[in-house]
């Protein structure tokens, strides 16, 4: 699993935070709404939903999200995403997500 984590991190860093310009131009949208409306983060949205993190990301931030596109997720080994999205693997999916918020 260590290789999987490094691979996901590498993909996240290589993709960066795509869609940040859209987020700036639409300040009334939260992170989840921005990802959904962009249309290129469907896998990320599914993972956030599967991990039960929608309400967290709709809450008060600030948050920093490294948002891999569907194309980036597509570069993972076959079956990786599908396996993580199974209900029985929710805890494994949650452990792959790190959410940190800092209150000012």
PDB file of N, CA and C in Angstrom:
ATOM      1  N   UNK A   1       0.813  -1.193   0.000  1.00  0.00           N
ATOM      2  CA  UNK A   1       0.000   0.000   0.000  1.00  0.00           C
ATOM      3  C   UNK A   1       0.853   1.251   0.000  1.00  0.00           C
ATOM      4  N   UNK A   2       2.096   1.165   0.495  1.00  0.00           N
ATOM      5  CA  UNK A   2       2.959   2.331   0.522  1.00  0.00           C
ATOM      6  C   UNK A   2       3.186   2.854  -0.889  1.00  0.00           C
ATOM      7  N   UNK A   3       3.363   1.950  -1.860  1.00  0.00           N
ATOM      8  CA  UNK A   3       3.544   2.369  -3.249  1.00  0.00           C
ATOM      9  C   UNK A   3       2.292   3.043  -3.780  1.00  0.00           C
ATOM     10  N   UNK A   4       1.116   2.554  -3.388  1.00  0.00           N
ATOM     11  CA  UNK A   4      -0.128   3.168  -3.825  1.00  0.00           C
ATOM     12  C   UNK A   4      -0.201   4.600  -3.313  1.00  0.00           C
ATOM     13  N   UNK A   5       0.102   4.805  -2.024  1.00  0.00           N
ATOM     14  CA  UNK A   5       0.056   6.150  -1.451  1.00  0.00           C
ATOM     15  C   UNK A   5       1.023   7.076  -2.165  1.00  0.00           C
ATOM     16  N   UNK A   6       2.231   6.609  -2.439  1.00  0.00           N
ATOM     17  CA  UNK A   6       3.206   7.433  -3.132  1.00  0.00           C
ATOM     18  C   UNK A   6       2.739   7.751  -4.543  1.00  0.00           C
ATOM     19  N   UNK A   7       2.109   6.780  -5.200  1.00  0.00           N
ATOM     20  CA  UNK A   7       1.599   7.007  -6.552  1.00  0.00           C
ATOM     21  C   UNK A   7       0.488   8.025  -6.583  1.00  0.00           C
ATOM     22  N   UNK A   8      -0.426   7.940  -5.624  1.00  0.00           N
ATOM     23  CA  UNK A   8      -1.520   8.911  -5.556  1.00  0.00           C
ATOM     24  C   UNK A   8      -0.959  10.284  -5.258  1.00  0.00           C
ATOM     25  N   UNK A   9      -0.017  10.365  -4.313  1.00  0.00           N
ATOM     26  CA  UNK A   9       0.582  11.645  -3.974  1.00  0.00           C
ATOM     27  C   UNK A   9       1.293  12.234  -5.181  1.00  0.00           C
ATOM     28  N   UNK A  10       2.026  11.405  -5.913  1.00  0.00           N
ATOM     29  CA  UNK A  10       2.716  11.900  -7.107  1.00  0.00           C
ATOM     30  C   UNK A  10       1.723  12.422  -8.129  1.00  0.00           C
ATOM     31  N   UNK A  11       0.617  11.698  -8.312  1.00  0.00           N
ATOM     32  CA  UNK A  11      -0.403  12.173  -9.241  1.00  0.00           C
ATOM     33  C   UNK A  11      -1.004  13.485  -8.767  1.00  0.00           C
ATOM     34  N   UNK A  12      -1.264  13.582  -7.478  1.00  0.00           N
ATOM     35  CA  UNK A  12      -1.855  14.808  -6.958  1.00  0.00           C
ATOM     36  C   UNK A  12      -0.907  15.981  -7.149  1.00  0.00           C
ATOM     37  N   UNK A  13       0.367  15.752  -6.883  1.00  0.00           N
ATOM     38  CA  UNK A  13       1.319  16.838  -7.027  1.00  0.00           C
ATOM     39  C   UNK A  13       1.541  17.207  -8.485  1.00  0.00           C
ATOM     40  N   UNK A  14       1.507  16.216  -9.378  1.00  0.00           N
ATOM     41  CA  UNK A  14       1.720  16.518 -10.784  1.00  0.00           C
ATOM     42  C   UNK A  14       0.517  17.221 -11.396  1.00  0.00           C
ATOM     43  N   UNK A  15      -0.671  16.925 -10.887  1.00  0.00           N
ATOM     44  CA  UNK A  15      -1.874  17.568 -11.389  1.00  0.00           C
ATOM     45  C   UNK A  15      -2.034  18.931 -10.752  1.00  0.00           C
ATOM     46  N   UNK A  16      -1.694  19.040  -9.483  1.00  0.00           N
ATOM     47  CA  UNK A  16      -1.855  20.297  -8.769  1.00  0.00           C
ATOM     48  C   UNK A  16      -3.308  20.544  -8.430  1.00  0.00           C
ATOM     49  N   UNK A  17      -3.614  21.754  -8.135  1.00  0.00           N
ATOM     50  CA  UNK A  17      -4.984  22.117  -7.796  1.00  0.00           C
ATOM     51  C   UNK A  17      -5.623  22.698  -9.034  1.00  0.00           C
ATOM     52  N   UNK A  18      -6.172  21.821  -9.837  1.00  0.00           N
ATOM     53  CA  UNK A  18      -6.844  22.256 -11.050  1.00  0.00           C
ATOM     54  C   UNK A  18      -8.157  22.896 -10.679  1.00  0.00           C
ATOM     55  N   UNK A  19      -8.561  23.848 -11.450  1.00  0.00           N
ATOM     56  CA  UNK A  19      -9.847  24.487 -11.225  1.00  0.00           C
ATOM     57  C   UNK A  19      -9.814  25.590 -10.190  1.00  0.00           C
ATOM     58  N   UNK A  20      -8.632  25.978  -9.722  1.00  0.00           N
ATOM     59  CA  UNK A  20      -8.582  27.015  -8.704  1.00  0.00           C
ATOM     60  C   UNK A  20      -9.060  28.355  -9.243  1.00  0.00           C
ATOM     61  N   UNK A  21      -8.869  28.608 -10.525  1.00  0.00           N
ATOM     62  CA  UNK A  21      -9.357  29.858 -11.109  1.00  0.00           C
ATOM     63  C   UNK A  21     -10.880  29.896 -11.073  1.00  0.00           C
ATOM     64  N   UNK A  22     -11.514  28.768 -11.335  1.00  0.00           N
ATOM     65  CA  UNK A  22     -12.971  28.708 -11.269  1.00  0.00           C
ATOM     66  C   UNK A  22     -13.446  28.965  -9.852  1.00  0.00           C
ATOM     67  N   UNK A  23     -12.714  28.427  -8.872  1.00  0.00           N
ATOM     68  CA  UNK A  23     -13.108  28.630  -7.486  1.00  0.00           C
ATOM     69  C   UNK A  23     -13.040  30.103  -7.123  1.00  0.00           C
ATOM     70  N   UNK A  24     -12.026  30.800  -7.637  1.00  0.00           N
ATOM     71  CA  UNK A  24     -11.896  32.217  -7.341  1.00  0.00           C
ATOM     72  C   UNK A  24     -12.994  33.028  -8.017  1.00  0.00           C
ATOM     73  N   UNK A  25     -13.425  32.621  -9.189  1.00  0.00           N
ATOM     74  CA  UNK A  25     -14.439  33.383  -9.899  1.00  0.00           C
ATOM     75  C   UNK A  25     -15.849  33.055  -9.413  1.00  0.00           C
ATOM     76  N   UNK A  26     -15.993  32.028  -8.614  1.00  0.00           N
ATOM     77  CA  UNK A  26     -17.303  31.642  -8.097  1.00  0.00           C
ATOM     78  C   UNK A  26     -17.213  31.450  -6.583  1.00  0.00           C
ATOM     79  N   UNK A  27     -17.027  32.542  -5.818  1.00  0.00           N
ATOM     80  CA  UNK A  27     -16.795  32.406  -4.379  1.00  0.00           C
ATOM     81  C   UNK A  27     -17.986  31.851  -3.603  1.00  0.00           C
ATOM     82  N   UNK A  28     -19.170  31.822  -4.199  1.00  0.00           N
ATOM     83  CA  UNK A  28     -20.333  31.300  -3.493  1.00  0.00           C
ATOM     84  C   UNK A  28     -20.389  29.779  -3.510  1.00  0.00           C
ATOM     85  N   UNK A  29     -19.526  29.143  -4.281  1.00  0.00           N
ATOM     86  CA  UNK A  29     -19.509  27.684  -4.360  1.00  0.00           C
ATOM     87  C   UNK A  29     -18.520  27.127  -3.349  1.00  0.00           C
ATOM     88  N   UNK A  30     -18.897  25.993  -2.752  1.00  0.00           N
ATOM     89  CA  UNK A  30     -17.950  25.310  -1.886  1.00  0.00           C
ATOM     90  C   UNK A  30     -17.091  24.371  -2.735  1.00  0.00           C
ATOM     91  N   UNK A  31     -16.176  23.681  -2.098  1.00  0.00           N
ATOM     92  CA  UNK A  31     -15.240  22.805  -2.812  1.00  0.00           C
ATOM     93  C   UNK A  31     -15.982  21.715  -3.586  1.00  0.00           C
ATOM     94  N   UNK A  32     -16.965  21.106  -2.959  1.00  0.00           N
ATOM     95  CA  UNK A  32     -17.690  20.015  -3.606  1.00  0.00           C
ATOM     96  C   UNK A  32     -18.461  20.528  -4.818  1.00  0.00           C
ATOM     97  N   UNK A  33     -19.163  21.637  -4.674  1.00  0.00           N
ATOM     98  CA  UNK A  33     -19.913  22.206  -5.801  1.00  0.00           C
ATOM     99  C   UNK A  33     -18.974  22.589  -6.950  1.00  0.00           C
ATOM    100  N   UNK A  34     -17.826  23.132  -6.613  1.00  0.00           N
ATOM    101  CA  UNK A  34     -16.852  23.509  -7.641  1.00  0.00           C
ATOM    102  C   UNK A  34     -16.360  22.279  -8.389  1.00  0.00           C
ATOM    103  N   UNK A  35     -16.064  21.211  -7.662  1.00  0.00           N
ATOM    104  CA  UNK A  35     -15.591  19.976  -8.297  1.00  0.00           C
ATOM    105  C   UNK A  35     -16.658  19.375  -9.194  1.00  0.00           C
ATOM    106  N   UNK A  36     -17.897  19.367  -8.732  1.00  0.00           N
ATOM    107  CA  UNK A  36     -18.995  18.805  -9.526  1.00  0.00           C
ATOM    108  C   UNK A  36     -19.202  19.625 -10.792  1.00  0.00           C
ATOM    109  N   UNK A  37     -19.232  20.947 -10.661  1.00  0.00           N
ATOM    110  CA  UNK A  37     -19.517  21.785 -11.819  1.00  0.00           C
ATOM    111  C   UNK A  37     -18.386  21.791 -12.842  1.00  0.00           C
ATOM    112  N   UNK A  38     -17.162  21.505 -12.412  1.00  0.00           N
ATOM    113  CA  UNK A  38     -16.038  21.470 -13.354  1.00  0.00           C
ATOM    114  C   UNK A  38     -16.178  20.314 -14.336  1.00  0.00           C
ATOM    115  N   UNK A  39     -16.769  19.210 -13.899  1.00  0.00           N
ATOM    116  CA  UNK A  39     -17.000  18.078 -14.778  1.00  0.00           C
ATOM    117  C   UNK A  39     -15.799  17.177 -15.018  1.00  0.00           C
ATOM    118  N   UNK A  40     -14.656  17.497 -14.442  1.00  0.00           N
ATOM    119  CA  UNK A  40     -13.456  16.681 -14.643  1.00  0.00           C
ATOM    120  C   UNK A  40     -12.968  16.029 -13.352  1.00  0.00           C
ATOM    121  N   UNK A  41     -13.786  16.131 -12.308  1.00  0.00           N
ATOM    122  CA  UNK A  41     -13.409  15.580 -11.008  1.00  0.00           C
ATOM    123  C   UNK A  41     -14.428  14.562 -10.505  1.00  0.00           C
ATOM    124  N   UNK A  42     -15.055  13.841 -11.418  1.00  0.00           N
ATOM    125  CA  UNK A  42     -16.096  12.887 -11.043  1.00  0.00           C
ATOM    126  C   UNK A  42     -15.584  11.797 -10.114  1.00  0.00           C
ATOM    127  N   UNK A  43     -14.380  11.308 -10.342  1.00  0.00           N
ATOM    128  CA  UNK A  43     -13.812  10.262  -9.494  1.00  0.00           C
ATOM    129  C   UNK A  43     -13.521  10.814  -8.105  1.00  0.00           C
ATOM    130  N   UNK A  44     -12.974  12.007  -8.047  1.00  0.00           N
ATOM    131  CA  UNK A  44     -12.706  12.645  -6.765  1.00  0.00           C
ATOM    132  C   UNK A  44     -14.004  12.848  -5.992  1.00  0.00           C
ATOM    133  N   UNK A  45     -15.041  13.335  -6.649  1.00  0.00           N
ATOM    134  CA  UNK A  45     -16.336  13.539  -6.002  1.00  0.00           C
ATOM    135  C   UNK A  45     -16.877  12.210  -5.486  1.00  0.00           C
ATOM    136  N   UNK A  46     -16.771  11.157  -6.268  1.00  0.00           N
ATOM    137  CA  UNK A  46     -17.227   9.828  -5.831  1.00  0.00           C
ATOM    138  C   UNK A  46     -16.445   9.376  -4.607  1.00  0.00           C
ATOM    139  N   UNK A  47     -15.146   9.640  -4.587  1.00  0.00           N
ATOM    140  CA  UNK A  47     -14.317   9.246  -3.446  1.00  0.00           C
ATOM    141  C   UNK A  47     -14.693  10.054  -2.199  1.00  0.00           C
ATOM    142  N   UNK A  48     -14.921  11.351  -2.361  1.00  0.00           N
ATOM    143  CA  UNK A  48     -15.325  12.198  -1.237  1.00  0.00           C
ATOM    144  C   UNK A  48     -16.672  11.721  -0.690  1.00  0.00           C
ATOM    145  N   UNK A  49     -17.595  11.394  -1.592  1.00  0.00           N
ATOM    146  CA  UNK A  49     -18.896  10.881  -1.154  1.00  0.00           C
ATOM    147  C   UNK A  49     -18.738   9.533  -0.468  1.00  0.00           C
ATOM    148  N   UNK A  50     -17.946   8.643  -1.072  1.00  0.00           N
ATOM    149  CA  UNK A  50     -17.744   7.308  -0.507  1.00  0.00           C
ATOM    150  C   UNK A  50     -17.086   7.338   0.860  1.00  0.00           C
ATOM    151  N   UNK A  51     -16.231   8.339   1.076  1.00  0.00           N
ATOM    152  CA  UNK A  51     -15.545   8.463   2.361  1.00  0.00           C
ATOM    153  C   UNK A  51     -16.396   9.204   3.395  1.00  0.00           C
ATOM    154  N   UNK A  52     -17.554   9.714   2.955  1.00  0.00           N
ATOM    155  CA  UNK A  52     -18.422  10.443   3.873  1.00  0.00           C
ATOM    156  C   UNK A  52     -17.887  11.808   4.254  1.00  0.00           C
ATOM    157  N   UNK A  53     -17.181  12.457   3.331  1.00  0.00           N
ATOM    158  CA  UNK A  53     -16.526  13.729   3.633  1.00  0.00           C
ATOM    159  C   UNK A  53     -17.190  14.950   2.999  1.00  0.00           C
ATOM    160  N   UNK A  54     -18.342  14.766   2.363  1.00  0.00           N
ATOM    161  CA  UNK A  54     -19.014  15.888   1.701  1.00  0.00           C
ATOM    162  C   UNK A  54     -19.327  16.994   2.705  1.00  0.00           C
ATOM    163  N   UNK A  55     -19.928  16.641   3.830  1.00  0.00           N
ATOM    164  CA  UNK A  55     -20.309  17.657   4.811  1.00  0.00           C
ATOM    165  C   UNK A  55     -19.091  18.381   5.378  1.00  0.00           C
ATOM    166  N   UNK A  56     -17.996  17.659   5.554  1.00  0.00           N
ATOM    167  CA  UNK A  56     -16.776  18.287   6.058  1.00  0.00           C
ATOM    168  C   UNK A  56     -16.310  19.354   5.072  1.00  0.00           C
ATOM    169  N   UNK A  57     -16.258  18.991   3.792  1.00  0.00           N
ATOM    170  CA  UNK A  57     -15.768  19.936   2.782  1.00  0.00           C
ATOM    171  C   UNK A  57     -16.754  21.049   2.470  1.00  0.00           C
ATOM    172  N   UNK A  58     -18.009  20.862   2.833  1.00  0.00           N
ATOM    173  CA  UNK A  58     -18.995  21.929   2.675  1.00  0.00           C
ATOM    174  C   UNK A  58     -18.988  22.853   3.895  1.00  0.00           C
ATOM    175  N   UNK A  59     -18.264  22.445   4.928  1.00  0.00           N
ATOM    176  CA  UNK A  59     -18.205  23.218   6.159  1.00  0.00           C
ATOM    177  C   UNK A  59     -17.223  24.368   6.057  1.00  0.00           C
ATOM    178  N   UNK A  60     -17.058  25.013   7.197  1.00  0.00           N
ATOM    179  CA  UNK A  60     -16.164  26.166   7.256  1.00  0.00           C
ATOM    180  C   UNK A  60     -14.726  25.704   7.149  1.00  0.00           C
ATOM    181  N   UNK A  61     -13.974  26.303   6.274  1.00  0.00           N
ATOM    182  CA  UNK A  61     -12.569  25.977   6.054  1.00  0.00           C
ATOM    183  C   UNK A  61     -11.687  26.840   6.923  1.00  0.00           C
ATOM    184  N   UNK A  62     -10.583  27.187   6.416  1.00  0.00           N
ATOM    185  CA  UNK A  62     -10.139  26.973   5.033  1.00  0.00           C
ATOM    186  C   UNK A  62      -9.630  25.557   4.827  1.00  0.00           C
ATOM    187  N   UNK A  63      -9.733  25.101   3.568  1.00  0.00           N
ATOM    188  CA  UNK A  63      -9.232  23.796   3.176  1.00  0.00           C
ATOM    189  C   UNK A  63      -8.315  23.960   1.973  1.00  0.00           C
ATOM    190  N   UNK A  64      -7.345  23.090   1.880  1.00  0.00           N
ATOM    191  CA  UNK A  64      -6.533  22.972   0.677  1.00  0.00           C
ATOM    192  C   UNK A  64      -6.806  21.586   0.123  1.00  0.00           C
ATOM    193  N   UNK A  65      -7.182  21.514  -1.139  1.00  0.00           N
ATOM    194  CA  UNK A  65      -7.508  20.231  -1.742  1.00  0.00           C
ATOM    195  C   UNK A  65      -6.606  20.016  -2.954  1.00  0.00           C
ATOM    196  N   UNK A  66      -5.851  18.935  -2.918  1.00  0.00           N
ATOM    197  CA  UNK A  66      -5.114  18.504  -4.097  1.00  0.00           C
ATOM    198  C   UNK A  66      -6.099  17.656  -4.881  1.00  0.00           C
ATOM    199  N   UNK A  67      -6.521  18.162  -6.015  1.00  0.00           N
ATOM    200  CA  UNK A  67      -7.656  17.579  -6.722  1.00  0.00           C
ATOM    201  C   UNK A  67      -7.238  16.917  -8.020  1.00  0.00           C
ATOM    202  N   UNK A  68      -6.937  15.618  -7.984  1.00  0.00           N
ATOM    203  CA  UNK A  68      -6.612  14.919  -9.225  1.00  0.00           C
ATOM    204  C   UNK A  68      -7.841  14.859 -10.139  1.00  0.00           C
ATOM    205  N   UNK A  69      -7.617  15.027 -11.398  1.00  0.00           N
ATOM    206  CA  UNK A  69      -8.697  14.934 -12.377  1.00  0.00           C
ATOM    207  C   UNK A  69      -9.029  13.458 -12.619  1.00  0.00           C
ATOM    208  N   UNK A  70     -10.124  13.249 -13.339  1.00  0.00           N
ATOM    209  CA  UNK A  70     -10.484  11.875 -13.712  1.00  0.00           C
ATOM    210  C   UNK A  70      -9.357  11.238 -14.523  1.00  0.00           C
ATOM    211  N   UNK A  71      -8.715  12.030 -15.361  1.00  0.00           N
ATOM    212  CA  UNK A  71      -7.597  11.524 -16.173  1.00  0.00           C
ATOM    213  C   UNK A  71      -6.459  11.032 -15.277  1.00  0.00           C
ATOM    214  N   UNK A  72      -6.144  11.778 -14.230  1.00  0.00           N
ATOM    215  CA  UNK A  72      -5.080  11.364 -13.311  1.00  0.00           C
ATOM    216  C   UNK A  72      -5.451  10.084 -12.578  1.00  0.00           C
ATOM    217  N   UNK A  73      -6.695   9.998 -12.096  1.00  0.00           N
ATOM    218  CA  UNK A  73      -7.134   8.764 -11.442  1.00  0.00           C
ATOM    219  C   UNK A  73      -7.076   7.584 -12.408  1.00  0.00           C
ATOM    220  N   UNK A  74      -7.303   7.848 -13.690  1.00  0.00           N
ATOM    221  CA  UNK A  74      -7.259   6.802 -14.709  1.00  0.00           C
ATOM    222  C   UNK A  74      -5.883   6.176 -14.882  1.00  0.00           C
ATOM    223  N   UNK A  75      -4.856   6.837 -14.388  1.00  0.00           N
ATOM    224  CA  UNK A  75      -3.488   6.327 -14.507  1.00  0.00           C
ATOM    225  C   UNK A  75      -3.107   5.381 -13.363  1.00  0.00           C
ATOM    226  N   UNK A  76      -3.999   5.251 -12.390  1.00  0.00           N
ATOM    227  CA  UNK A  76      -3.747   4.290 -11.313  1.00  0.00           C
ATOM    228  C   UNK A  76      -3.917   2.869 -11.848  1.00  0.00           C
ATOM    229  N   UNK A  77      -3.343   1.891 -11.182  1.00  0.00           N
ATOM    230  CA  UNK A  77      -3.511   0.502 -11.626  1.00  0.00           C
ATOM    231  C   UNK A  77      -4.990   0.137 -11.741  1.00  0.00           C
ATOM    232  N   UNK A  78      -5.297  -0.657 -12.730  1.00  0.00           N
ATOM    233  CA  UNK A  78      -6.681  -1.075 -12.982  1.00  0.00           C
ATOM    234  C   UNK A  78      -7.307  -1.644 -11.712  1.00  0.00           C
ATOM    235  N   UNK A  79      -8.520  -1.209 -11.416  1.00  0.00           N
ATOM    236  CA  UNK A  79      -9.267  -1.717 -10.276  1.00  0.00           C
ATOM    237  C   UNK A  79      -9.025  -0.993  -8.962  1.00  0.00           C
ATOM    238  N   UNK A  80      -8.030  -0.119  -8.906  1.00  0.00           N
ATOM    239  CA  UNK A  80      -7.693   0.564  -7.657  1.00  0.00           C
ATOM    240  C   UNK A  80      -8.850   1.419  -7.157  1.00  0.00           C
ATOM    241  N   UNK A  81      -9.344   2.297  -8.009  1.00  0.00           N
ATOM    242  CA  UNK A  81     -10.428   3.204  -7.609  1.00  0.00           C
ATOM    243  C   UNK A  81     -11.689   2.406  -7.295  1.00  0.00           C
ATOM    244  N   UNK A  82     -12.020   1.469  -8.153  1.00  0.00           N
ATOM    245  CA  UNK A  82     -13.223   0.670  -7.952  1.00  0.00           C
ATOM    246  C   UNK A  82     -13.180  -0.058  -6.606  1.00  0.00           C
ATOM    247  N   UNK A  83     -12.009  -0.578  -6.265  1.00  0.00           N
ATOM    248  CA  UNK A  83     -11.853  -1.291  -4.998  1.00  0.00           C
ATOM    249  C   UNK A  83     -12.037  -0.345  -3.814  1.00  0.00           C
ATOM    250  N   UNK A  84     -11.441   0.826  -3.877  1.00  0.00           N
ATOM    251  CA  UNK A  84     -11.557   1.781  -2.779  1.00  0.00           C
ATOM    252  C   UNK A  84     -12.975   2.309  -2.601  1.00  0.00           C
ATOM    253  N   UNK A  85     -13.753   2.339  -3.683  1.00  0.00           N
ATOM    254  CA  UNK A  85     -15.112   2.872  -3.610  1.00  0.00           C
ATOM    255  C   UNK A  85     -16.142   1.861  -3.123  1.00  0.00           C
ATOM    256  N   UNK A  86     -15.737   0.619  -2.908  1.00  0.00           N
ATOM    257  CA  UNK A  86     -16.665  -0.386  -2.380  1.00  0.00           C
ATOM    258  C   UNK A  86     -16.991  -0.043  -0.931  1.00  0.00           C
ATOM    259  N   UNK A  87     -18.264  -0.174  -0.551  1.00  0.00           N
ATOM    260  CA  UNK A  87     -18.658   0.157   0.829  1.00  0.00           C
ATOM    261  C   UNK A  87     -17.814  -0.544   1.898  1.00  0.00           C
ATOM    262  N   UNK A  88     -17.438  -1.762   1.643  1.00  0.00           N
ATOM    263  CA  UNK A  88     -16.642  -2.496   2.640  1.00  0.00           C
ATOM    264  C   UNK A  88     -15.221  -1.950   2.781  1.00  0.00           C
ATOM    265  N   UNK A  89     -14.799  -1.091   1.857  1.00  0.00           N
ATOM    266  CA  UNK A  89     -13.459  -0.496   1.920  1.00  0.00           C
ATOM    267  C   UNK A  89     -13.494   0.968   2.336  1.00  0.00           C
ATOM    268  N   UNK A  90     -14.620   1.406   2.911  1.00  0.00           N
ATOM    269  CA  UNK A  90     -14.761   2.820   3.289  1.00  0.00           C
ATOM    270  C   UNK A  90     -13.630   3.269   4.205  1.00  0.00           C
ATOM    271  N   UNK A  91     -13.286   2.465   5.214  1.00  0.00           N
ATOM    272  CA  UNK A  91     -12.238   2.879   6.152  1.00  0.00           C
ATOM    273  C   UNK A  91     -10.892   3.020   5.440  1.00  0.00           C
ATOM    274  N   UNK A  92     -10.637   2.148   4.486  1.00  0.00           N
ATOM    275  CA  UNK A  92      -9.401   2.238   3.714  1.00  0.00           C
ATOM    276  C   UNK A  92      -9.396   3.533   2.887  1.00  0.00           C
ATOM    277  N   UNK A  93     -10.534   3.862   2.300  1.00  0.00           N
ATOM    278  CA  UNK A  93     -10.657   5.098   1.517  1.00  0.00           C
ATOM    279  C   UNK A  93     -10.470   6.316   2.413  1.00  0.00           C
ATOM    280  N   UNK A  94     -11.120   6.308   3.564  1.00  0.00           N
ATOM    281  CA  UNK A  94     -10.998   7.430   4.495  1.00  0.00           C
ATOM    282  C   UNK A  94      -9.546   7.602   4.930  1.00  0.00           C
ATOM    283  N   UNK A  95      -8.840   6.497   5.127  1.00  0.00           N
ATOM    284  CA  UNK A  95      -7.449   6.598   5.570  1.00  0.00           C
ATOM    285  C   UNK A  95      -6.549   7.204   4.489  1.00  0.00           C
ATOM    286  N   UNK A  96      -7.007   7.194   3.233  1.00  0.00           N
ATOM    287  CA  UNK A  96      -6.234   7.791   2.136  1.00  0.00           C
ATOM    288  C   UNK A  96      -6.464   9.298   2.030  1.00  0.00           C
ATOM    289  N   UNK A  97      -7.502   9.771   2.706  1.00  0.00           N
ATOM    290  CA  UNK A  97      -7.845  11.190   2.666  1.00  0.00           C
ATOM    291  C   UNK A  97      -7.334  11.836   3.936  1.00  0.00           C
ATOM    292  N   UNK A  98      -6.728  12.965   3.782  1.00  0.00           N
ATOM    293  CA  UNK A  98      -6.277  13.706   4.941  1.00  0.00           C
ATOM    294  C   UNK A  98      -6.889  15.083   4.869  1.00  0.00           C
ATOM    295  N   UNK A  99      -7.673  15.412   5.854  1.00  0.00           N
ATOM    296  CA  UNK A  99      -8.316  16.722   5.882  1.00  0.00           C
ATOM    297  C   UNK A  99      -7.808  17.455   7.110  1.00  0.00           C
ATOM    298  N   UNK A 100      -7.229  18.591   6.847  1.00  0.00           N
ATOM    299  CA  UNK A 100      -6.767  19.418   7.950  1.00  0.00           C
ATOM    300  C   UNK A 100      -7.351  20.802   7.743  1.00  0.00           C
ATOM    301  N   UNK A 101      -7.874  21.355   8.777  1.00  0.00           N
ATOM    302  CA  UNK A 101      -8.388  22.716   8.724  1.00  0.00           C
ATOM    303  C   UNK A 101      -7.781  23.520   9.838  1.00  0.00           C
ATOM    304  N   UNK A 102      -7.550  24.769   9.580  1.00  0.00           N
ATOM    305  CA  UNK A 102      -6.992  25.629  10.599  1.00  0.00           C
ATOM    306  C   UNK A 102      -7.939  26.794  10.782  1.00  0.00           C
ATOM    307  N   UNK A 103      -8.465  26.922  11.957  1.00  0.00           N
ATOM    308  CA  UNK A 103      -9.364  28.023  12.276  1.00  0.00           C
ATOM    309  C   UNK A 103      -8.521  29.260  12.570  1.00  0.00           C
ATOM    310  N   UNK A 104      -8.932  30.373  12.024  1.00  0.00           N
ATOM    311  CA  UNK A 104      -8.218  31.630  12.293  1.00  0.00           C
ATOM    312  C   UNK A 104      -8.721  32.277  13.557  1.00  0.00           C
TER     313      UNK A 104
END
